[in-house]
């Protein structure tokens, strides 16, 4: 089991790997949606977080919101908009 320190922290985090076409597509969707709703995001490469790379190797890219895995492989734009439009705790 991952310790909390090994999981992505608060906010929107996209876990990617180099030279990944699905990661490129996900990056575009996440950037567009977060810009539209006024939320920041960060990209975390498995080269920076090898333990996460091992854990999620077959699911990359992986989208986390506040440390919770919300999507992988193909980021659903409509779903991401809904998730980011909810009030905190909602």
C-alpha atoms as a PDB file:
ATOM      1  CA  UNK A   1       0.000   0.000   0.000  1.00  0.00           C
ATOM      2  CA  UNK A   2       1.277   3.464  -0.916  1.00  0.00           C
ATOM      3  CA  UNK A   3       1.902   5.861   1.916  1.00  0.00           C
ATOM      4  CA  UNK A   4       0.172   9.241   1.604  1.00  0.00           C
ATOM      5  CA  UNK A   5       3.554  10.859   0.916  1.00  0.00           C
ATOM      6  CA  UNK A   6       3.939   8.721  -2.223  1.00  0.00           C
ATOM      7  CA  UNK A   7       0.546   9.648  -3.681  1.00  0.00           C
ATOM      8  CA  UNK A   8      -0.038  12.910  -5.558  1.00  0.00           C
ATOM      9  CA  UNK A   9      -1.130  15.727  -3.295  1.00  0.00           C
ATOM     10  CA  UNK A  10      -4.006  18.187  -3.512  1.00  0.00           C
ATOM     11  CA  UNK A  11      -5.287  19.596  -6.756  1.00  0.00           C
ATOM     12  CA  UNK A  12      -5.269  18.156 -10.249  1.00  0.00           C
ATOM     13  CA  UNK A  13      -2.255  15.974 -11.071  1.00  0.00           C
ATOM     14  CA  UNK A  14      -1.654  14.129 -14.329  1.00  0.00           C
ATOM     15  CA  UNK A  15       0.794  11.229 -14.018  1.00  0.00           C
ATOM     16  CA  UNK A  16       2.559  10.639 -17.339  1.00  0.00           C
ATOM     17  CA  UNK A  17       5.535   8.935 -18.921  1.00  0.00           C
ATOM     18  CA  UNK A  18       7.856  10.217 -21.643  1.00  0.00           C
ATOM     19  CA  UNK A  19       7.011   9.495 -25.286  1.00  0.00           C
ATOM     20  CA  UNK A  20       3.430   8.451 -24.529  1.00  0.00           C
ATOM     21  CA  UNK A  21       0.808   9.410 -27.111  1.00  0.00           C
ATOM     22  CA  UNK A  22      -2.046   8.859 -24.644  1.00  0.00           C
ATOM     23  CA  UNK A  23      -0.262  11.191 -22.230  1.00  0.00           C
ATOM     24  CA  UNK A  24      -0.079  13.864 -24.934  1.00  0.00           C
ATOM     25  CA  UNK A  25      -3.826  13.571 -25.541  1.00  0.00           C
ATOM     26  CA  UNK A  26      -4.572  13.653 -21.801  1.00  0.00           C
ATOM     27  CA  UNK A  27      -2.374  16.716 -21.311  1.00  0.00           C
ATOM     28  CA  UNK A  28      -4.408  18.623 -23.926  1.00  0.00           C
ATOM     29  CA  UNK A  29      -7.743  17.710 -22.305  1.00  0.00           C
ATOM     30  CA  UNK A  30      -6.583  18.515 -18.768  1.00  0.00           C
ATOM     31  CA  UNK A  31      -5.063  21.845 -19.838  1.00  0.00           C
ATOM     32  CA  UNK A  32      -8.240  22.867 -21.693  1.00  0.00           C
ATOM     33  CA  UNK A  33     -10.667  21.913 -18.917  1.00  0.00           C
ATOM     34  CA  UNK A  34      -8.641  23.364 -16.055  1.00  0.00           C
ATOM     35  CA  UNK A  35      -8.188  26.626 -17.962  1.00  0.00           C
ATOM     36  CA  UNK A  36     -11.937  26.799 -18.641  1.00  0.00           C
ATOM     37  CA  UNK A  37     -12.895  26.248 -14.974  1.00  0.00           C
ATOM     38  CA  UNK A  38     -10.036  28.312 -13.542  1.00  0.00           C
ATOM     39  CA  UNK A  39      -8.209  25.518 -11.738  1.00  0.00           C
ATOM     40  CA  UNK A  40      -4.474  24.898 -11.791  1.00  0.00           C
ATOM     41  CA  UNK A  41      -2.923  21.527 -12.494  1.00  0.00           C
ATOM     42  CA  UNK A  42       0.463  19.892 -12.555  1.00  0.00           C
ATOM     43  CA  UNK A  43       2.072  17.118 -14.506  1.00  0.00           C
ATOM     44  CA  UNK A  44       4.122  14.501 -12.712  1.00  0.00           C
ATOM     45  CA  UNK A  45       6.306  12.174 -14.767  1.00  0.00           C
ATOM     46  CA  UNK A  46       7.018   8.638 -13.643  1.00  0.00           C
ATOM     47  CA  UNK A  47      10.679   9.598 -14.037  1.00  0.00           C
ATOM     48  CA  UNK A  48      10.121  11.925 -11.058  1.00  0.00           C
ATOM     49  CA  UNK A  49       7.991   9.417  -9.107  1.00  0.00           C
ATOM     50  CA  UNK A  50       9.258   5.907  -9.884  1.00  0.00           C
ATOM     51  CA  UNK A  51       7.107   4.213  -7.216  1.00  0.00           C
ATOM     52  CA  UNK A  52       3.983   5.620  -8.842  1.00  0.00           C
ATOM     53  CA  UNK A  53       5.345   4.540 -12.210  1.00  0.00           C
ATOM     54  CA  UNK A  54       5.546   0.968 -10.995  1.00  0.00           C
ATOM     55  CA  UNK A  55       2.126   1.034  -9.361  1.00  0.00           C
ATOM     56  CA  UNK A  56       0.311   2.598 -12.328  1.00  0.00           C
ATOM     57  CA  UNK A  57       2.480   1.283 -15.188  1.00  0.00           C
ATOM     58  CA  UNK A  58      -0.422  -0.322 -17.067  1.00  0.00           C
ATOM     59  CA  UNK A  59      -2.805   2.612 -16.569  1.00  0.00           C
ATOM     60  CA  UNK A  60      -0.789   5.649 -17.708  1.00  0.00           C
ATOM     61  CA  UNK A  61      -1.708   8.410 -18.022  1.00  0.00           C
ATOM     62  CA  UNK A  62      -3.518   8.628 -14.688  1.00  0.00           C
ATOM     63  CA  UNK A  63      -5.504  11.616 -13.476  1.00  0.00           C
ATOM     64  CA  UNK A  64      -5.685  12.381  -9.758  1.00  0.00           C
ATOM     65  CA  UNK A  65      -7.853  14.985  -8.100  1.00  0.00           C
ATOM     66  CA  UNK A  66      -6.906  15.703  -4.495  1.00  0.00           C
ATOM     67  CA  UNK A  67      -4.917  12.466  -4.334  1.00  0.00           C
ATOM     68  CA  UNK A  68      -7.765  10.256  -5.610  1.00  0.00           C
ATOM     69  CA  UNK A  69      -7.415   8.425  -8.925  1.00  0.00           C
ATOM     70  CA  UNK A  70     -10.240   9.684 -11.142  1.00  0.00           C
ATOM     71  CA  UNK A  71      -9.383   8.518 -14.658  1.00  0.00           C
ATOM     72  CA  UNK A  72      -6.729   6.709 -16.686  1.00  0.00           C
ATOM     73  CA  UNK A  73      -5.702   5.960 -20.283  1.00  0.00           C
ATOM     74  CA  UNK A  74      -8.159   8.356 -21.916  1.00  0.00           C
ATOM     75  CA  UNK A  75      -9.307  11.357 -19.901  1.00  0.00           C
ATOM     76  CA  UNK A  76     -13.054  11.920 -20.242  1.00  0.00           C
ATOM     77  CA  UNK A  77     -13.442  15.665 -20.765  1.00  0.00           C
ATOM     78  CA  UNK A  78     -17.116  15.850 -19.721  1.00  0.00           C
ATOM     79  CA  UNK A  79     -16.456  13.842 -16.567  1.00  0.00           C
ATOM     80  CA  UNK A  80     -13.468  16.005 -15.667  1.00  0.00           C
ATOM     81  CA  UNK A  81     -15.590  19.143 -16.113  1.00  0.00           C
ATOM     82  CA  UNK A  82     -18.244  17.711 -13.781  1.00  0.00           C
ATOM     83  CA  UNK A  83     -15.669  16.729 -11.165  1.00  0.00           C
ATOM     84  CA  UNK A  84     -14.020  20.149 -11.196  1.00  0.00           C
ATOM     85  CA  UNK A  85     -17.318  22.043 -11.168  1.00  0.00           C
ATOM     86  CA  UNK A  86     -18.544  20.442  -7.947  1.00  0.00           C
ATOM     87  CA  UNK A  87     -18.311  22.510  -4.807  1.00  0.00           C
ATOM     88  CA  UNK A  88     -15.630  21.347  -2.334  1.00  0.00           C
ATOM     89  CA  UNK A  89     -16.865  18.323  -0.422  1.00  0.00           C
ATOM     90  CA  UNK A  90     -19.736  17.904  -2.903  1.00  0.00           C
END
